[in-house]
N, C-alpha and C. Protein backbone atom coordinates (compact mmCIF):
# COMPACT_ATOMS: atom_id res chain seq x y z
N UNK A 1 0.82 -1.20 0.00
CA UNK A 1 0.00 0.00 0.00
C UNK A 1 0.85 1.25 0.00
N UNK A 2 1.98 1.22 0.68
CA UNK A 2 2.87 2.37 0.70
C UNK A 2 2.35 3.49 1.57
N UNK A 3 3.10 4.58 1.62
CA UNK A 3 2.75 5.70 2.49
C UNK A 3 1.44 6.37 2.08
N UNK A 4 1.21 6.53 0.78
CA UNK A 4 -0.03 7.17 0.33
C UNK A 4 -1.23 6.31 0.72
N UNK A 5 -1.16 5.01 0.47
CA UNK A 5 -2.25 4.12 0.85
C UNK A 5 -2.50 4.16 2.34
N UNK A 6 -1.42 4.17 3.14
CA UNK A 6 -1.57 4.24 4.59
C UNK A 6 -2.28 5.52 5.00
N UNK A 7 -1.89 6.65 4.44
CA UNK A 7 -2.51 7.92 4.79
C UNK A 7 -3.98 7.95 4.38
N UNK A 8 -4.28 7.40 3.21
CA UNK A 8 -5.66 7.42 2.75
C UNK A 8 -6.55 6.48 3.55
N UNK A 9 -5.97 5.48 4.20
CA UNK A 9 -6.74 4.57 5.04
C UNK A 9 -7.12 5.19 6.37
N UNK A 10 -6.48 6.29 6.73
CA UNK A 10 -6.77 6.95 8.00
C UNK A 10 -8.05 7.78 7.89
N UNK A 11 -8.87 7.79 8.95
CA UNK A 11 -10.07 8.63 8.89
C UNK A 11 -9.67 10.10 8.87
N UNK A 12 -10.44 10.91 8.19
CA UNK A 12 -10.16 12.34 8.20
C UNK A 12 -10.29 12.98 6.84
N UNK A 13 -9.73 14.13 6.77
CA UNK A 13 -9.85 15.03 5.63
C UNK A 13 -8.79 14.71 4.59
N UNK A 14 -9.19 14.53 3.33
CA UNK A 14 -8.22 14.25 2.26
C UNK A 14 -7.29 15.42 2.02
N UNK A 15 -7.75 16.64 2.29
CA UNK A 15 -6.87 17.80 2.14
C UNK A 15 -5.71 17.70 3.13
N UNK A 16 -5.99 17.26 4.34
CA UNK A 16 -4.93 17.07 5.34
C UNK A 16 -3.97 15.97 4.90
N UNK A 17 -4.50 14.91 4.29
CA UNK A 17 -3.66 13.83 3.77
C UNK A 17 -2.75 14.36 2.67
N UNK A 18 -3.32 15.12 1.74
CA UNK A 18 -2.53 15.68 0.64
C UNK A 18 -1.46 16.62 1.18
N UNK A 19 -1.80 17.41 2.19
CA UNK A 19 -0.83 18.31 2.81
C UNK A 19 0.30 17.51 3.45
N UNK A 20 -0.04 16.41 4.12
CA UNK A 20 0.99 15.55 4.73
C UNK A 20 1.91 14.96 3.68
N UNK A 21 1.34 14.54 2.57
CA UNK A 21 2.15 13.99 1.47
C UNK A 21 3.10 15.05 0.93
N UNK A 22 2.59 16.25 0.70
CA UNK A 22 3.41 17.32 0.16
C UNK A 22 4.55 17.67 1.12
N UNK A 23 4.26 17.73 2.40
CA UNK A 23 5.30 18.03 3.40
C UNK A 23 6.35 16.91 3.46
N UNK A 24 5.92 15.67 3.36
CA UNK A 24 6.86 14.54 3.39
C UNK A 24 7.77 14.56 2.17
N UNK A 25 7.21 14.88 1.01
CA UNK A 25 8.01 14.95 -0.21
C UNK A 25 9.00 16.11 -0.11
N UNK A 26 8.55 17.22 0.47
CA UNK A 26 9.46 18.36 0.65
C UNK A 26 10.64 17.97 1.54
N UNK A 27 10.37 17.25 2.63
CA UNK A 27 11.45 16.83 3.52
C UNK A 27 12.41 15.87 2.81
N UNK A 28 11.87 15.00 1.96
CA UNK A 28 12.71 14.03 1.26
C UNK A 28 13.57 14.66 0.18
N UNK A 29 13.00 15.64 -0.54
CA UNK A 29 13.70 16.20 -1.69
C UNK A 29 14.22 17.62 -1.48
N UNK A 30 13.81 18.27 -0.41
CA UNK A 30 14.35 19.57 -0.05
C UNK A 30 13.91 20.73 -0.92
N UNK A 31 12.71 20.70 -1.47
CA UNK A 31 12.26 21.85 -2.25
C UNK A 31 11.63 22.91 -1.36
N UNK A 32 11.47 24.12 -1.90
CA UNK A 32 10.95 25.25 -1.13
C UNK A 32 9.43 25.36 -1.17
N UNK A 33 8.85 25.01 -2.31
CA UNK A 33 7.41 25.15 -2.44
C UNK A 33 6.88 24.11 -3.41
N UNK A 34 5.59 23.86 -3.32
CA UNK A 34 4.99 22.87 -4.21
C UNK A 34 3.48 22.95 -4.18
N UNK A 35 2.87 22.27 -5.12
CA UNK A 35 1.41 22.25 -5.25
C UNK A 35 1.00 20.84 -5.66
N UNK A 36 -0.06 20.34 -5.05
CA UNK A 36 -0.69 19.12 -5.53
C UNK A 36 -1.95 19.55 -6.26
N UNK A 37 -2.02 19.17 -7.52
CA UNK A 37 -3.19 19.48 -8.35
C UNK A 37 -4.10 18.26 -8.42
N UNK A 38 -5.39 18.51 -8.54
CA UNK A 38 -6.34 17.43 -8.79
C UNK A 38 -7.03 17.72 -10.13
N UNK A 39 -7.23 16.67 -10.92
CA UNK A 39 -7.90 16.87 -12.20
C UNK A 39 -9.41 16.94 -12.02
N UNK A 40 -10.01 17.84 -12.77
CA UNK A 40 -11.47 17.93 -12.88
C UNK A 40 -11.78 17.54 -14.32
N UNK A 41 -12.08 16.26 -14.52
CA UNK A 41 -12.27 15.76 -15.89
C UNK A 41 -13.48 16.38 -16.57
N UNK A 42 -14.65 16.51 -15.91
CA UNK A 42 -15.77 17.16 -16.61
C UNK A 42 -15.46 18.62 -16.97
N UNK A 43 -14.75 19.33 -16.06
CA UNK A 43 -14.40 20.72 -16.31
C UNK A 43 -13.14 20.89 -17.14
N UNK A 44 -12.43 19.77 -17.41
CA UNK A 44 -11.21 19.75 -18.21
C UNK A 44 -10.17 20.76 -17.70
N UNK A 45 -9.88 20.65 -16.38
CA UNK A 45 -8.90 21.55 -15.79
C UNK A 45 -8.21 20.88 -14.61
N UNK A 46 -7.05 21.41 -14.25
CA UNK A 46 -6.32 21.03 -13.05
C UNK A 46 -6.46 22.16 -12.05
N UNK A 47 -6.74 21.83 -10.81
CA UNK A 47 -6.90 22.84 -9.77
C UNK A 47 -5.97 22.51 -8.62
N UNK A 48 -5.26 23.52 -8.13
CA UNK A 48 -4.39 23.34 -6.99
C UNK A 48 -5.21 22.95 -5.77
N UNK A 49 -4.89 21.81 -5.19
CA UNK A 49 -5.65 21.28 -4.05
C UNK A 49 -5.01 21.68 -2.73
N UNK A 50 -3.70 21.49 -2.64
CA UNK A 50 -2.94 21.97 -1.47
C UNK A 50 -1.66 22.62 -1.98
N UNK A 51 -1.22 23.63 -1.26
CA UNK A 51 0.01 24.33 -1.62
C UNK A 51 0.92 24.41 -0.42
N UNK A 52 2.19 24.58 -0.71
CA UNK A 52 3.19 24.73 0.34
C UNK A 52 4.20 25.77 -0.13
N UNK A 53 4.22 26.91 0.55
CA UNK A 53 5.16 27.97 0.18
C UNK A 53 4.76 28.75 -1.05
N UNK A 54 3.52 28.60 -1.50
CA UNK A 54 3.09 29.27 -2.74
C UNK A 54 1.78 30.02 -2.57
N UNK A 55 1.34 30.22 -1.36
CA UNK A 55 0.03 30.84 -1.14
C UNK A 55 0.01 32.27 -1.66
N UNK A 56 -1.11 32.68 -2.27
CA UNK A 56 -1.24 34.08 -2.68
C UNK A 56 -1.36 34.97 -1.44
N UNK A 57 -1.14 36.26 -1.61
CA UNK A 57 -1.24 37.18 -0.46
C UNK A 57 -2.64 37.14 0.14
N UNK A 58 -2.78 37.47 1.43
CA UNK A 58 -4.11 37.49 2.07
C UNK A 58 -5.09 38.36 1.28
N UNK A 59 -6.29 37.86 1.11
CA UNK A 59 -7.31 38.58 0.37
C UNK A 59 -7.31 38.30 -1.12
N UNK A 60 -6.25 37.71 -1.63
CA UNK A 60 -6.16 37.37 -3.05
C UNK A 60 -6.90 36.07 -3.26
N UNK A 61 -7.93 36.08 -4.08
CA UNK A 61 -8.77 34.90 -4.25
C UNK A 61 -8.38 34.05 -5.46
N UNK A 62 -7.27 34.37 -6.10
CA UNK A 62 -6.84 33.55 -7.24
C UNK A 62 -6.52 32.14 -6.80
N UNK A 63 -6.76 31.21 -7.68
CA UNK A 63 -6.40 29.81 -7.41
C UNK A 63 -5.44 29.36 -8.50
N UNK A 64 -4.69 28.34 -8.20
CA UNK A 64 -3.81 27.74 -9.19
C UNK A 64 -4.67 26.80 -10.02
N UNK A 65 -4.96 27.20 -11.24
CA UNK A 65 -5.86 26.42 -12.08
C UNK A 65 -5.43 26.54 -13.54
N UNK A 66 -5.42 25.40 -14.24
CA UNK A 66 -5.01 25.38 -15.64
C UNK A 66 -5.94 24.46 -16.41
N UNK A 67 -6.37 24.93 -17.58
CA UNK A 67 -7.18 24.09 -18.46
C UNK A 67 -6.30 22.98 -19.03
N UNK A 68 -6.90 21.80 -19.25
CA UNK A 68 -6.16 20.72 -19.91
C UNK A 68 -5.61 21.28 -21.23
N UNK A 69 -4.36 21.00 -21.50
CA UNK A 69 -3.75 21.45 -22.74
C UNK A 69 -3.16 22.84 -22.68
N UNK A 70 -3.47 23.62 -21.64
CA UNK A 70 -2.89 24.95 -21.50
C UNK A 70 -1.39 24.80 -21.26
N UNK A 71 -0.56 25.65 -21.88
CA UNK A 71 0.88 25.52 -21.67
C UNK A 71 1.27 25.96 -20.25
N UNK A 72 1.53 24.97 -19.40
CA UNK A 72 1.92 25.23 -18.01
C UNK A 72 2.67 24.00 -17.49
N UNK A 73 3.50 24.20 -16.50
CA UNK A 73 4.24 23.09 -15.92
C UNK A 73 3.27 22.03 -15.37
N UNK A 74 2.20 22.47 -14.72
CA UNK A 74 1.23 21.51 -14.15
C UNK A 74 0.63 20.62 -15.23
N UNK A 75 0.28 21.17 -16.37
CA UNK A 75 -0.32 20.35 -17.44
C UNK A 75 0.74 19.47 -18.10
N UNK A 76 1.98 19.96 -18.17
CA UNK A 76 3.08 19.15 -18.73
C UNK A 76 3.25 17.88 -17.89
N UNK A 77 3.32 18.04 -16.56
CA UNK A 77 3.48 16.90 -15.65
C UNK A 77 2.27 15.97 -15.75
N UNK A 78 1.08 16.54 -15.77
CA UNK A 78 -0.15 15.74 -15.86
C UNK A 78 -0.19 14.93 -17.15
N UNK A 79 0.11 15.57 -18.28
CA UNK A 79 0.05 14.89 -19.58
C UNK A 79 1.06 13.75 -19.67
N UNK A 80 2.25 13.94 -19.10
CA UNK A 80 3.32 12.95 -19.23
C UNK A 80 3.39 11.97 -18.06
N UNK A 81 2.69 12.30 -16.96
CA UNK A 81 2.74 11.48 -15.74
C UNK A 81 4.19 11.24 -15.31
N UNK A 82 4.98 12.32 -15.38
CA UNK A 82 6.39 12.29 -14.99
C UNK A 82 6.66 13.45 -14.05
N UNK A 83 7.57 13.26 -13.09
CA UNK A 83 7.94 14.40 -12.24
C UNK A 83 8.79 15.39 -13.02
N UNK A 84 8.80 16.62 -12.57
CA UNK A 84 9.62 17.66 -13.20
C UNK A 84 10.16 18.56 -12.10
N UNK A 85 11.47 18.64 -11.99
CA UNK A 85 12.10 19.53 -11.01
C UNK A 85 12.53 20.79 -11.73
N UNK A 86 12.19 21.94 -11.16
CA UNK A 86 12.59 23.22 -11.71
C UNK A 86 13.41 23.93 -10.64
N UNK A 87 14.69 24.10 -10.89
CA UNK A 87 15.60 24.67 -9.90
C UNK A 87 15.24 26.11 -9.56
N UNK A 88 14.89 26.89 -10.56
CA UNK A 88 14.58 28.31 -10.34
C UNK A 88 13.30 28.64 -11.09
N UNK A 89 12.18 28.33 -10.47
CA UNK A 89 10.88 28.50 -11.13
C UNK A 89 10.62 29.94 -11.55
N UNK A 90 11.13 30.89 -10.79
CA UNK A 90 10.91 32.30 -11.14
C UNK A 90 11.60 32.68 -12.44
N UNK A 91 12.59 31.91 -12.88
CA UNK A 91 13.29 32.18 -14.13
C UNK A 91 12.83 31.30 -15.29
N UNK A 92 11.99 30.31 -14.98
CA UNK A 92 11.53 29.38 -16.00
C UNK A 92 10.46 30.06 -16.86
N UNK A 93 10.59 29.90 -18.18
CA UNK A 93 9.60 30.50 -19.08
C UNK A 93 8.90 29.43 -19.90
């Protein structure tokens, strides 16, 4: 079952489970920020489900959301089902 299966077997909120997964991956790989996206197949989009180190400023209601096929790192990873490390995301175009 692995760590993800173990966490999902626990009673509680899936958002808390996703947050725990993101924090564990951060500790293992040492990144500064990250987002777990969930696909909305009927809406044909990816939506940021939990974030770490990437929250918008207070009062900003924007969400991390990309339409399927939109040119974005999130859709690239989703389409290929491969991880992608970006050393300096602020410089990536």
